[in-house]
Protein backbone atom coordinates (compact mmCIF):
# COMPACT_ATOMS: atom_id res chain seq x y z
CA MET A 1 -6.65 -97.95 54.64
CA GLY A 2 -7.64 -94.49 53.56
CA GLY A 3 -9.53 -93.84 56.78
CA THR A 4 -6.57 -94.50 59.06
CA ILE A 5 -4.18 -92.49 56.88
CA GLU A 6 -6.61 -89.58 56.81
CA GLU A 7 -6.89 -89.73 60.59
CA ILE A 8 -3.09 -89.65 60.87
CA ILE A 9 -3.02 -86.52 58.71
CA ASP A 10 -5.77 -84.86 60.72
CA SER A 11 -4.18 -85.67 64.08
CA LEU A 12 -0.76 -84.58 62.87
CA LYS A 13 -2.13 -81.22 61.73
CA LYS A 14 -3.66 -80.76 65.18
CA GLY A 15 -0.40 -81.62 66.92
CA GLN A 16 -1.92 -84.62 68.69
CA GLY A 17 1.20 -86.70 69.22
CA LYS A 18 -0.39 -89.45 71.35
CA ARG A 19 -3.19 -89.89 68.86
CA VAL A 20 -0.72 -90.04 65.96
CA THR A 21 1.21 -92.75 67.79
CA ASP A 22 -1.94 -94.81 68.35
CA LEU A 23 -2.97 -94.41 64.72
CA VAL A 24 0.45 -95.51 63.48
CA LYS A 25 0.08 -98.77 65.43
CA MET A 26 -3.42 -99.17 64.00
CA ALA A 27 -2.13 -98.63 60.46
CA VAL A 28 0.67 -101.16 60.92
CA ASP A 29 -1.81 -103.69 62.33
CA GLU A 30 -3.96 -103.13 59.24
CA GLY A 31 -1.02 -104.07 57.05
CA ILE A 32 -0.30 -100.59 55.72
CA SER A 33 3.35 -100.32 54.66
CA SER A 34 5.75 -97.99 56.44
CA GLN A 35 6.39 -96.30 53.07
CA THR A 36 2.69 -95.50 52.72
CA ILE A 37 2.46 -94.19 56.29
CA LEU A 38 5.50 -91.98 55.69
CA GLU A 39 4.52 -90.60 52.30
CA GLU A 40 0.71 -90.57 52.31
CA GLY A 41 0.38 -89.87 56.03
CA PHE A 42 3.27 -87.91 57.51
CA LEU A 43 4.54 -86.21 54.36
CA ALA A 44 1.09 -85.30 53.06
CA GLY A 45 0.13 -83.88 56.45
CA MET A 46 3.32 -81.85 56.76
CA GLU A 47 2.90 -80.45 53.27
CA GLN A 48 -0.58 -79.24 54.19
CA VAL A 49 0.76 -77.61 57.34
CA SER A 50 3.59 -76.04 55.32
CA ASP A 51 1.09 -74.57 52.86
CA ARG A 52 -0.93 -73.08 55.71
CA PHE A 53 2.23 -71.66 57.26
CA ASP A 54 3.19 -70.04 53.95
CA GLN A 55 -0.26 -68.46 53.83
CA GLU A 56 0.22 -67.27 57.45
CA GLU A 57 -2.79 -69.30 58.58
CA VAL A 58 -0.77 -70.95 61.36
CA GLY A 59 2.03 -69.61 63.51
CA VAL A 60 5.23 -70.85 65.10
CA PRO A 61 3.56 -72.37 68.23
CA GLU A 62 1.34 -74.54 66.02
CA ILE A 63 4.32 -75.56 63.92
CA LEU A 64 6.24 -76.62 67.02
CA SER A 65 3.28 -78.71 68.16
CA VAL A 66 3.02 -80.38 64.77
CA THR A 67 6.76 -81.07 64.70
CA ARG A 68 6.60 -82.78 68.10
CA ALA A 69 3.68 -84.88 66.92
CA LEU A 70 5.60 -85.82 63.80
CA ASP A 71 8.64 -86.89 65.83
CA GLN A 72 6.41 -89.09 67.99
CA GLY A 73 4.81 -90.60 64.91
CA VAL A 74 8.11 -91.39 63.21
CA GLU A 75 9.47 -92.95 66.39
CA ALA A 76 6.31 -95.05 66.71
CA LEU A 77 6.64 -96.20 63.12
CA ARG A 78 10.19 -97.36 63.76
CA ARG A 79 9.13 -99.13 66.94
CA TYR A 80 6.16 -100.95 65.46
CA THR A 81 7.92 -101.96 62.26
CA GLY A 82 11.16 -103.03 63.89
CA GLY A 83 13.15 -100.15 62.44
CA HIS A 84 14.47 -100.08 58.91
CA ARG A 85 13.78 -103.32 57.07
CA GLN A 86 16.17 -102.60 54.23
CA LYS A 87 19.83 -101.71 54.35
CA GLU A 88 20.32 -97.95 54.46
CA VAL A 89 21.93 -96.54 51.36
CA GLY A 90 24.01 -94.00 53.27
CA THR A 91 24.04 -91.10 55.70
CA VAL A 92 23.24 -87.42 55.30
CA VAL A 93 23.63 -84.57 57.78
CA ILE A 94 20.94 -81.91 57.66
CA GLY A 95 20.39 -78.69 59.55
CA THR A 96 19.21 -75.10 59.40
CA VAL A 97 22.16 -72.72 59.23
CA ASN A 98 23.47 -70.38 61.90
CA GLY A 99 20.96 -67.75 63.08
CA ASP A 100 17.92 -69.34 61.38
CA LEU A 101 15.23 -71.01 63.51
CA HIS A 102 12.94 -72.21 60.68
CA ASP A 103 12.68 -75.95 60.22
CA MET A 104 9.49 -76.76 58.31
CA GLY A 105 11.27 -77.30 55.00
CA LYS A 106 14.03 -79.25 56.70
CA ASN A 107 11.53 -81.58 58.32
CA LEU A 108 9.85 -82.29 54.98
CA VAL A 109 13.22 -83.13 53.43
CA LYS A 110 14.03 -85.38 56.36
CA LEU A 111 10.81 -87.31 55.85
CA MET A 112 11.48 -87.79 52.17
CA MET A 113 15.00 -88.99 52.92
CA GLN A 114 13.70 -91.55 55.38
CA SER A 115 11.18 -92.79 52.82
CA LYS A 116 14.17 -93.59 50.58
CA ASN A 117 15.90 -95.49 53.37
CA ILE A 118 18.55 -92.84 53.94
CA GLN A 119 19.92 -92.37 57.44
CA VAL A 120 19.40 -88.76 58.50
CA ILE A 121 21.43 -86.98 61.17
CA ASP A 122 19.22 -83.99 61.98
CA LEU A 123 21.18 -81.24 63.72
CA GLY A 124 18.13 -79.03 64.18
CA VAL A 125 18.17 -75.26 63.76
CA ASP A 126 20.72 -72.45 64.26
CA VAL A 127 23.60 -74.83 63.53
CA SER A 128 27.15 -73.47 63.53
CA PRO A 129 29.66 -74.30 60.78
CA ALA A 130 31.84 -76.08 63.33
CA LYS A 131 28.98 -78.34 64.39
CA PHE A 132 28.14 -79.22 60.79
CA TYR A 133 31.77 -80.27 60.28
CA ARG A 134 32.08 -82.10 63.60
CA GLU A 135 28.89 -84.15 63.17
CA THR A 136 29.62 -84.92 59.53
CA LYS A 137 33.05 -86.24 60.41
CA ALA A 138 31.69 -88.29 63.33
CA SER A 139 28.90 -89.89 61.27
CA LYS A 140 31.01 -90.30 58.10
CA ALA A 141 28.15 -88.74 56.12
CA ARG A 142 28.74 -88.20 52.41
CA VAL A 143 26.03 -85.55 51.95
CA VAL A 144 25.46 -82.32 53.89
CA ILE A 145 22.15 -80.52 53.41
CA LEU A 146 21.95 -76.85 54.41
CA SER A 147 18.55 -75.22 54.93
CA GLY A 148 17.62 -71.59 55.54
CA ILE A 149 15.18 -68.88 54.48
CA LEU A 150 16.67 -65.65 55.83
CA PRO A 151 18.14 -62.94 53.54
CA SER A 152 21.64 -63.86 54.77
CA THR A 153 21.15 -67.55 54.03
CA ASP A 154 23.70 -67.74 51.20
CA GLU A 155 26.40 -66.10 53.35
CA ASP A 156 25.66 -68.42 56.28
CA MET A 157 25.81 -71.45 53.99
CA ARG A 158 29.09 -70.27 52.51
CA GLU A 159 30.56 -70.16 56.02
CA VAL A 160 29.73 -73.85 56.46
CA ILE A 161 31.38 -74.80 53.18
CA ASP A 162 34.38 -72.61 54.08
CA GLU A 163 34.71 -74.51 57.36
CA PHE A 164 35.04 -77.78 55.47
CA GLU A 165 37.60 -76.14 53.17
CA LEU A 166 39.56 -74.96 56.21
CA GLN A 167 39.54 -78.50 57.63
CA GLY A 168 40.68 -79.98 54.30
CA ALA A 169 37.45 -81.96 53.98
CA ARG A 170 35.56 -80.14 51.22
CA ASP A 171 36.12 -82.85 48.62
CA GLN A 172 34.82 -85.59 50.91
CA VAL A 173 31.15 -84.54 50.85
CA TYR A 174 28.43 -83.25 48.58
CA PHE A 175 26.79 -80.00 49.68
CA MET A 176 23.11 -79.54 48.90
CA VAL A 177 21.26 -76.31 49.67
CA GLY A 178 17.67 -75.13 49.71
CA GLY A 179 15.34 -72.47 51.05
CA GLY A 180 13.14 -69.59 50.01
CA ASN A 181 15.97 -67.16 49.24
CA MET A 182 18.21 -69.66 47.46
CA ASN A 183 18.46 -70.48 43.76
CA GLU A 184 20.84 -72.26 41.40
CA GLN A 185 22.94 -69.16 40.78
CA LEU A 186 23.46 -68.44 44.49
CA ALA A 187 24.18 -72.11 45.15
CA ALA A 188 26.90 -72.14 42.52
CA GLY A 189 28.30 -68.88 43.87
CA ILE A 190 28.88 -70.28 47.35
CA GLY A 191 30.41 -73.51 46.05
CA ALA A 192 27.51 -75.89 46.72
CA ASP A 193 27.15 -79.00 44.58
CA CYS A 194 23.44 -78.65 44.07
CA TYR A 195 20.31 -76.61 44.76
CA THR A 196 16.85 -78.17 44.96
CA GLU A 197 13.55 -76.37 45.41
CA ASP A 198 11.41 -79.09 46.97
CA ALA A 199 11.71 -82.02 49.37
CA GLY A 200 11.09 -84.74 46.79
CA THR A 201 13.77 -83.51 44.41
CA CYS A 202 16.21 -83.06 47.29
CA ALA A 203 15.74 -86.64 48.48
CA GLU A 204 16.12 -88.02 44.97
CA LYS A 205 19.35 -86.09 44.36
CA ALA A 206 20.77 -87.14 47.72
CA TYR A 207 19.97 -90.74 46.88
CA GLN A 208 21.89 -90.38 43.62
CA TYR A 209 24.91 -88.96 45.41
CA LEU A 210 24.89 -91.71 48.02
CA THR A 211 24.70 -94.50 45.47
CA ARG A 212 27.57 -93.23 43.31
CA LYS A 213 30.56 -95.52 43.26
CA GLU A 214 33.22 -92.92 43.98
CA LYS A 215 33.81 -92.16 47.63
CA LYS A 216 34.74 -88.51 47.26
CA ARG A 217 33.41 -85.57 45.34
CA LYS A 218 35.19 -84.96 42.06
CA ARG A 219 35.91 -81.33 41.29
CA PRO A 220 35.12 -80.28 37.72
């Protein structure tokens, strides 16, 4: 098992989408669980790439190549395992806020969400407040996750929350925020429900929100 998983990591880091797809099929044929492929293959590989990006050892073109390979791998995993085997616990909407084109952290969070059987509506990068609201309403998501690493991140995130306030829908969702320039104090200041500093914690908190019995957020 270890050999195939290690090959998935290596091919993912090289941005070899076709090879990743072939290796996913091989792993499934070997009886490796989708959870293991997600966490020990995709997530581990993405974390290594993220570390290298933080150290400026790889650039944006390499990141884009890796992201495409990841998307191919995830799609292959769904195809070869027949999709989600367990009932999804709920839906989250995730995206990088207006003006920000960074998505490495967002992609890690997305993977962790999928490993917990959460349906993820990924809006991509540079997402406007109106689009966050529109897609959340359409998908009936109960959690909205805002990502961003620019100095203006907190202001951009506040605009999203303000849009939901304007539409009278603020109390219908939980807002989670994260990114290099965010912290608990800033999150509280913009009216977010929660700040998390890593993908694992974010996925766990989202899972808790989605499995709560009440349908709407309760204001303190």
